[in-house]
Amino acid sequence: MKVREVLSERDRLKNHLYAIKRAIVLSELYLKDDEVIQNLKEMKVELEGSLDEINKSLETIEDMEM
């Protein structure tokens, strides 16, 4: 995978994570459906895990360049 692709994937995940966080807050305020909120929180955890993996791989690339 090219570095550019990794960076664009990271940006995409950050955008999705931001949207999920907003959806959680709005659901807690207005919807108040525990099942929906729980599903959103699970999605958030999965996205954070994927983002962490990408960040770790980018750290490895940075270490190799130095």
Protein backbone atom coordinates (compact mmCIF):
# COMPACT_ATOMS: atom_id res chain seq x y z
CA MET A 1 0.00 0.00 0.00
CA LYS A 2 1.37 3.41 -0.93
CA VAL A 3 1.90 6.06 1.71
CA ARG A 4 -0.58 8.31 -0.07
CA GLU A 5 -3.24 5.60 0.15
CA VAL A 6 -2.51 5.07 3.84
CA LEU A 7 -2.79 8.80 4.52
CA SER A 8 -6.06 9.08 2.61
CA GLU A 9 -7.44 6.04 4.47
CA ARG A 10 -6.42 7.65 7.76
CA ASP A 11 -8.20 10.88 6.80
CA ARG A 12 -11.30 8.93 5.80
CA LEU A 13 -11.31 7.09 9.13
CA LYS A 14 -10.88 10.35 11.03
CA ASN A 15 -13.88 11.82 9.22
CA HIS A 16 -15.98 8.74 9.96
CA LEU A 17 -14.88 8.79 13.60
CA TYR A 18 -15.87 12.45 13.91
CA ALA A 19 -19.29 11.73 12.41
CA ILE A 20 -19.83 8.76 14.75
CA LYS A 21 -18.90 10.86 17.79
CA ARG A 22 -21.40 13.53 16.74
CA ALA A 23 -24.06 10.89 16.13
CA ILE A 24 -23.49 9.48 19.62
CA VAL A 25 -23.90 12.89 21.25
CA LEU A 26 -27.01 13.72 19.25
CA SER A 27 -28.51 10.28 19.91
CA GLU A 28 -27.93 10.67 23.62
CA LEU A 29 -29.55 14.10 23.61
CA TYR A 30 -32.54 13.52 21.37
CA LEU A 31 -33.08 9.91 20.37
CA LYS A 32 -32.35 8.27 23.74
CA ASP A 33 -32.44 4.79 22.20
CA ASP A 34 -29.94 2.68 24.14
CA GLU A 35 -29.55 0.08 21.40
CA VAL A 36 -28.67 2.67 18.76
CA ILE A 37 -26.26 4.41 21.11
CA GLN A 38 -24.57 1.12 21.97
CA ASN A 39 -24.21 0.23 18.27
CA LEU A 40 -22.67 3.63 17.55
CA LYS A 41 -20.22 3.21 20.43
CA GLU A 42 -19.19 -0.21 19.11
CA MET A 43 -18.62 1.30 15.68
CA LYS A 44 -16.53 4.03 17.30
CA VAL A 45 -14.32 1.47 19.04
CA GLU A 46 -13.79 -0.41 15.76
CA LEU A 47 -12.87 2.78 13.91
CA GLU A 48 -10.48 3.82 16.67
CA GLY A 49 -8.79 0.42 16.44
CA SER A 50 -8.36 0.75 12.68
CA LEU A 51 -7.04 4.28 13.08
CA ASP A 52 -4.55 3.13 15.73
CA GLU A 53 -3.28 0.41 13.38
CA ILE A 54 -2.72 2.94 10.61
CA ASN A 55 -0.97 5.35 12.97
CA LYS A 56 1.34 2.57 14.15
CA SER A 57 2.19 1.65 10.58
CA LEU A 58 2.93 5.29 9.80
CA GLU A 59 5.22 5.48 12.85
CA THR A 60 7.11 2.49 11.47
CA ILE A 61 7.53 4.25 8.13
CA GLU A 62 8.74 7.41 9.86
CA ASP A 63 11.27 5.39 11.86
CA MET A 64 12.56 3.76 8.69
CA GLU A 65 13.06 7.12 6.98
CA MET A 66 15.11 8.51 9.85
